[in-house]
Amino acid sequence: MSISTDRVTTTFQLDGYHVVQNLGIVRGIVVRSRSVVGRFLGGLQTLFGGNITIYTELCEHARKDAYDLMVLHAQQLGANAIMGFRYDATEVMEGLTEVLAYGTACIVEKN
């Protein structure tokens, strides 16, 4: 069973659908580190100010990977939707960050 992006929501209801079964919490966890090259290039970008694109890309990739793992976890449970979706990030140690995507896996049907 696949989960389309329109059935992953930060809310606890999904317009046009009703929850048939709550399958519990699902999550995707990724731990990323900055490479020596990334730190060097990021350091150079900070000299000029503005968006530090190398770190933005690293964060975006980590979020996407955590999201994809969460969706896979939900699909393994037989879900076709995820509600209450959130991200969290924690610096495990200097240069090492955990990104967590989590939500509640559900089976929904159209109203």
N, C-alpha and C. Protein backbone atom coordinates (compact mmCIF):
# COMPACT_ATOMS: atom_id res chain seq x y z
N MET A 1 0.86 -1.17 0.00
CA MET A 1 0.00 0.00 0.00
C MET A 1 0.90 1.23 0.00
N SER A 2 0.61 2.18 -0.84
CA SER A 2 1.46 3.37 -0.90
C SER A 2 0.80 4.54 -0.19
N ILE A 3 1.64 5.47 0.21
CA ILE A 3 1.16 6.68 0.88
C ILE A 3 1.54 7.87 0.02
N SER A 4 0.54 8.56 -0.52
CA SER A 4 0.83 9.74 -1.34
C SER A 4 1.07 10.94 -0.42
N THR A 5 1.78 11.92 -0.93
CA THR A 5 2.12 13.09 -0.11
C THR A 5 0.89 13.85 0.35
N ASP A 6 -0.23 13.72 -0.36
CA ASP A 6 -1.45 14.41 0.08
C ASP A 6 -2.12 13.69 1.25
N ARG A 7 -1.59 12.53 1.64
CA ARG A 7 -2.12 11.83 2.80
C ARG A 7 -1.11 11.78 3.94
N VAL A 8 -0.18 12.72 3.94
CA VAL A 8 0.72 12.95 5.08
C VAL A 8 0.44 14.37 5.53
N THR A 9 0.01 14.51 6.78
CA THR A 9 -0.42 15.83 7.24
C THR A 9 0.05 16.10 8.67
N THR A 10 0.25 17.37 8.95
CA THR A 10 0.62 17.78 10.31
C THR A 10 -0.61 17.87 11.21
N THR A 11 -1.79 17.83 10.62
CA THR A 11 -3.04 17.91 11.38
C THR A 11 -3.45 16.52 11.85
N PHE A 12 -4.52 16.46 12.62
CA PHE A 12 -5.00 15.19 13.12
C PHE A 12 -6.30 14.77 12.46
N GLN A 13 -6.56 15.37 11.30
CA GLN A 13 -7.67 14.96 10.46
C GLN A 13 -7.26 15.17 9.02
N LEU A 14 -7.91 14.47 8.13
CA LEU A 14 -7.59 14.54 6.72
C LEU A 14 -8.89 14.81 5.97
N ASP A 15 -9.01 16.02 5.42
CA ASP A 15 -10.26 16.41 4.75
C ASP A 15 -10.65 15.40 3.69
N GLY A 16 -11.92 15.00 3.74
CA GLY A 16 -12.45 14.06 2.76
C GLY A 16 -12.25 12.60 3.13
N TYR A 17 -11.61 12.34 4.28
CA TYR A 17 -11.33 10.97 4.71
C TYR A 17 -11.74 10.79 6.17
N HIS A 18 -11.95 9.56 6.56
CA HIS A 18 -12.13 9.25 7.97
C HIS A 18 -11.19 8.09 8.34
N VAL A 19 -10.75 8.09 9.58
CA VAL A 19 -9.80 7.08 10.06
C VAL A 19 -10.55 5.78 10.34
N VAL A 20 -10.09 4.72 9.71
CA VAL A 20 -10.66 3.39 9.92
C VAL A 20 -9.89 2.68 11.04
N GLN A 21 -8.55 2.88 11.04
CA GLN A 21 -7.72 2.23 12.05
C GLN A 21 -6.47 3.06 12.30
N ASN A 22 -6.12 3.20 13.57
CA ASN A 22 -4.89 3.86 14.00
C ASN A 22 -3.86 2.75 14.22
N LEU A 23 -2.74 2.82 13.51
CA LEU A 23 -1.72 1.76 13.58
C LEU A 23 -0.55 2.10 14.49
N GLY A 24 -0.55 3.31 15.05
CA GLY A 24 0.50 3.69 16.00
C GLY A 24 1.54 4.61 15.40
N ILE A 25 2.53 4.89 16.22
CA ILE A 25 3.59 5.83 15.86
C ILE A 25 4.56 5.20 14.88
N VAL A 26 4.93 5.99 13.88
CA VAL A 26 5.97 5.59 12.93
C VAL A 26 7.04 6.67 12.92
N ARG A 27 8.25 6.26 12.56
CA ARG A 27 9.35 7.21 12.60
C ARG A 27 10.42 6.86 11.56
N GLY A 28 11.18 7.86 11.23
CA GLY A 28 12.36 7.69 10.39
C GLY A 28 13.47 8.51 11.03
N ILE A 29 14.60 7.89 11.26
CA ILE A 29 15.72 8.56 11.93
C ILE A 29 16.95 8.52 11.03
N VAL A 30 17.59 9.67 10.89
CA VAL A 30 18.82 9.79 10.13
C VAL A 30 19.81 10.56 10.98
N VAL A 31 21.05 10.11 11.00
CA VAL A 31 22.12 10.84 11.69
C VAL A 31 23.14 11.22 10.63
N ARG A 32 23.41 12.50 10.54
CA ARG A 32 24.32 13.02 9.52
C ARG A 32 25.47 13.78 10.15
N SER A 33 26.59 13.76 9.45
CA SER A 33 27.74 14.56 9.88
C SER A 33 28.15 15.46 8.73
N ARG A 34 28.79 16.54 9.07
CA ARG A 34 29.34 17.44 8.05
C ARG A 34 30.74 16.96 7.71
N SER A 35 31.03 16.89 6.44
CA SER A 35 32.37 16.48 6.02
C SER A 35 33.35 17.63 6.22
N VAL A 36 34.62 17.32 6.16
CA VAL A 36 35.65 18.35 6.28
C VAL A 36 35.49 19.38 5.16
N VAL A 37 35.21 18.91 3.95
CA VAL A 37 35.02 19.81 2.81
C VAL A 37 33.79 20.68 3.04
N GLY A 38 32.70 20.05 3.54
CA GLY A 38 31.48 20.80 3.81
C GLY A 38 31.69 21.87 4.84
N ARG A 39 32.43 21.55 5.90
CA ARG A 39 32.71 22.56 6.93
C ARG A 39 33.55 23.70 6.37
N PHE A 40 34.51 23.37 5.51
CA PHE A 40 35.36 24.39 4.92
C PHE A 40 34.54 25.31 4.02
N LEU A 41 33.72 24.71 3.13
CA LEU A 41 32.91 25.52 2.21
C LEU A 41 31.86 26.32 2.98
N GLY A 42 31.26 25.70 3.99
CA GLY A 42 30.29 26.41 4.82
C GLY A 42 30.94 27.58 5.53
N GLY A 43 32.16 27.37 6.03
CA GLY A 43 32.90 28.45 6.68
C GLY A 43 33.16 29.60 5.73
N LEU A 44 33.50 29.28 4.48
CA LEU A 44 33.73 30.34 3.48
C LEU A 44 32.45 31.11 3.22
N GLN A 45 31.32 30.40 3.12
CA GLN A 45 30.05 31.06 2.85
C GLN A 45 29.65 31.98 4.00
N THR A 46 30.01 31.63 5.22
CA THR A 46 29.64 32.49 6.35
C THR A 46 30.37 33.83 6.30
N LEU A 47 31.50 33.87 5.63
CA LEU A 47 32.23 35.13 5.50
C LEU A 47 31.43 36.16 4.71
N PHE A 48 30.60 35.69 3.79
CA PHE A 48 29.84 36.58 2.92
C PHE A 48 28.40 36.79 3.39
N GLY A 49 27.97 36.02 4.38
CA GLY A 49 26.62 36.18 4.92
C GLY A 49 25.58 35.54 4.02
N GLY A 50 24.34 35.64 4.43
CA GLY A 50 23.23 35.09 3.65
C GLY A 50 23.01 33.62 3.91
N ASN A 51 22.30 32.99 3.00
CA ASN A 51 21.97 31.58 3.11
C ASN A 51 23.22 30.73 2.91
N ILE A 52 23.48 29.85 3.84
CA ILE A 52 24.64 28.96 3.74
C ILE A 52 24.16 27.70 3.01
N THR A 53 24.23 27.74 1.68
CA THR A 53 23.58 26.73 0.85
C THR A 53 24.08 25.32 1.09
N ILE A 54 25.35 25.15 1.39
CA ILE A 54 25.86 23.80 1.60
C ILE A 54 25.20 23.15 2.82
N TYR A 55 24.93 23.95 3.87
CA TYR A 55 24.26 23.41 5.05
C TYR A 55 22.76 23.25 4.79
N THR A 56 22.19 24.15 4.00
CA THR A 56 20.78 24.03 3.65
C THR A 56 20.54 22.72 2.90
N GLU A 57 21.41 22.41 1.95
CA GLU A 57 21.29 21.16 1.18
C GLU A 57 21.46 19.95 2.09
N LEU A 58 22.42 19.99 3.00
CA LEU A 58 22.64 18.89 3.93
C LEU A 58 21.39 18.65 4.78
N CYS A 59 20.81 19.72 5.29
CA CYS A 59 19.59 19.62 6.11
C CYS A 59 18.42 19.09 5.29
N GLU A 60 18.27 19.57 4.07
CA GLU A 60 17.18 19.13 3.21
C GLU A 60 17.29 17.64 2.91
N HIS A 61 18.50 17.18 2.62
CA HIS A 61 18.71 15.75 2.35
C HIS A 61 18.40 14.91 3.59
N ALA A 62 18.83 15.37 4.74
CA ALA A 62 18.58 14.63 5.98
C ALA A 62 17.08 14.56 6.26
N ARG A 63 16.36 15.67 6.08
CA ARG A 63 14.91 15.67 6.29
C ARG A 63 14.20 14.73 5.32
N LYS A 64 14.60 14.78 4.05
CA LYS A 64 13.98 13.92 3.04
C LYS A 64 14.22 12.45 3.37
N ASP A 65 15.44 12.10 3.75
CA ASP A 65 15.74 10.71 4.08
C ASP A 65 14.95 10.25 5.30
N ALA A 66 14.85 11.10 6.33
CA ALA A 66 14.07 10.75 7.52
C ALA A 66 12.59 10.59 7.16
N TYR A 67 12.07 11.49 6.34
CA TYR A 67 10.67 11.42 5.88
C TYR A 67 10.43 10.12 5.12
N ASP A 68 11.32 9.80 4.18
CA ASP A 68 11.16 8.58 3.38
C ASP A 68 11.17 7.33 4.26
N LEU A 69 12.03 7.30 5.28
CA LEU A 69 12.08 6.17 6.20
C LEU A 69 10.79 6.06 7.01
N MET A 70 10.24 7.22 7.42
CA MET A 70 8.98 7.22 8.16
C MET A 70 7.86 6.65 7.30
N VAL A 71 7.78 7.09 6.05
CA VAL A 71 6.75 6.60 5.13
C VAL A 71 6.92 5.10 4.91
N LEU A 72 8.14 4.64 4.74
CA LEU A 72 8.40 3.21 4.57
C LEU A 72 7.92 2.42 5.79
N HIS A 73 8.23 2.93 6.99
CA HIS A 73 7.78 2.29 8.23
C HIS A 73 6.26 2.19 8.24
N ALA A 74 5.57 3.26 7.86
CA ALA A 74 4.11 3.26 7.84
C ALA A 74 3.57 2.26 6.82
N GLN A 75 4.18 2.20 5.65
CA GLN A 75 3.75 1.26 4.62
C GLN A 75 3.93 -0.18 5.09
N GLN A 76 5.01 -0.44 5.82
CA GLN A 76 5.25 -1.80 6.33
C GLN A 76 4.16 -2.21 7.32
N LEU A 77 3.53 -1.23 7.98
CA LEU A 77 2.43 -1.52 8.89
C LEU A 77 1.09 -1.63 8.16
N GLY A 78 1.07 -1.28 6.88
CA GLY A 78 -0.16 -1.34 6.10
C GLY A 78 -0.93 -0.03 6.06
N ALA A 79 -0.31 1.06 6.48
CA ALA A 79 -0.98 2.37 6.50
C ALA A 79 -1.09 2.95 5.10
N ASN A 80 -2.08 3.83 4.94
CA ASN A 80 -2.19 4.60 3.70
C ASN A 80 -2.23 6.10 3.99
N ALA A 81 -1.94 6.46 5.26
CA ALA A 81 -1.88 7.88 5.64
C ALA A 81 -1.05 8.02 6.91
N ILE A 82 -0.53 9.23 7.10
CA ILE A 82 0.21 9.58 8.33
C ILE A 82 -0.33 10.91 8.81
N MET A 83 -0.74 10.94 10.06
CA MET A 83 -1.28 12.17 10.65
C MET A 83 -0.39 12.63 11.80
N GLY A 84 -0.47 13.93 12.10
CA GLY A 84 0.32 14.49 13.19
C GLY A 84 1.81 14.47 12.89
N PHE A 85 2.16 14.56 11.61
CA PHE A 85 3.55 14.49 11.16
C PHE A 85 4.38 15.66 11.71
N ARG A 86 5.58 15.34 12.19
CA ARG A 86 6.50 16.36 12.72
C ARG A 86 7.94 15.98 12.39
N TYR A 87 8.81 17.00 12.44
CA TYR A 87 10.26 16.80 12.39
C TYR A 87 10.84 17.23 13.73
N ASP A 88 11.95 16.62 14.09
CA ASP A 88 12.72 17.05 15.24
C ASP A 88 14.18 16.86 14.87
N ALA A 89 15.04 17.68 15.42
CA ALA A 89 16.48 17.55 15.17
C ALA A 89 17.23 17.79 16.46
N THR A 90 18.28 17.00 16.66
CA THR A 90 19.10 17.11 17.86
C THR A 90 20.56 16.98 17.47
N GLU A 91 21.37 17.85 18.01
CA GLU A 91 22.80 17.72 17.80
C GLU A 91 23.32 16.68 18.78
N VAL A 92 23.76 15.54 18.25
CA VAL A 92 24.25 14.44 19.07
C VAL A 92 25.60 14.80 19.66
N MET A 93 26.45 15.36 18.83
CA MET A 93 27.75 15.89 19.24
C MET A 93 28.16 16.89 18.16
N GLU A 94 29.22 17.61 18.38
CA GLU A 94 29.63 18.62 17.41
C GLU A 94 29.76 18.03 16.02
N GLY A 95 28.99 18.59 15.08
CA GLY A 95 29.05 18.15 13.69
C GLY A 95 28.24 16.92 13.38
N LEU A 96 27.49 16.39 14.37
CA LEU A 96 26.71 15.18 14.18
C LEU A 96 25.27 15.45 14.63
N THR A 97 24.34 15.40 13.67
CA THR A 97 22.95 15.77 13.95
C THR A 97 22.01 14.62 13.62
N GLU A 98 21.07 14.40 14.53
CA GLU A 98 20.01 13.42 14.31
C GLU A 98 18.78 14.17 13.81
N VAL A 99 18.16 13.67 12.75
CA VAL A 99 16.90 14.21 12.25
C VAL A 99 15.86 13.11 12.37
N LEU A 100 14.75 13.44 13.01
CA LEU A 100 13.68 12.49 13.25
C LEU A 100 12.41 12.99 12.59
N ALA A 101 11.78 12.14 11.80
CA ALA A 101 10.45 12.42 11.24
C ALA A 101 9.51 11.42 11.90
N TYR A 102 8.37 11.89 12.42
CA TYR A 102 7.46 10.98 13.09
C TYR A 102 6.02 11.42 12.94
N GLY A 103 5.13 10.47 13.13
CA GLY A 103 3.70 10.74 13.03
C GLY A 103 2.93 9.49 13.41
N THR A 104 1.63 9.53 13.18
CA THR A 104 0.76 8.40 13.48
C THR A 104 0.30 7.76 12.19
N ALA A 105 0.61 6.48 12.03
CA ALA A 105 0.19 5.73 10.85
C ALA A 105 -1.27 5.37 10.98
N CYS A 106 -2.02 5.56 9.90
CA CYS A 106 -3.46 5.29 9.91
C CYS A 106 -3.89 4.63 8.61
N ILE A 107 -5.00 3.95 8.70
CA ILE A 107 -5.71 3.52 7.50
C ILE A 107 -6.93 4.42 7.40
N VAL A 108 -7.05 5.09 6.26
CA VAL A 108 -8.16 6.01 6.05
C VAL A 108 -8.97 5.58 4.84
N GLU A 109 -10.23 6.00 4.84
CA GLU A 109 -11.11 5.78 3.69
C GLU A 109 -11.78 7.09 3.33
N LYS A 110 -12.10 7.24 2.05
CA LYS A 110 -12.81 8.45 1.61
C LYS A 110 -14.19 8.48 2.25
N ASN A 111 -14.64 9.69 2.60
CA ASN A 111 -15.99 9.86 3.16
C ASN A 111 -17.03 9.56 2.11
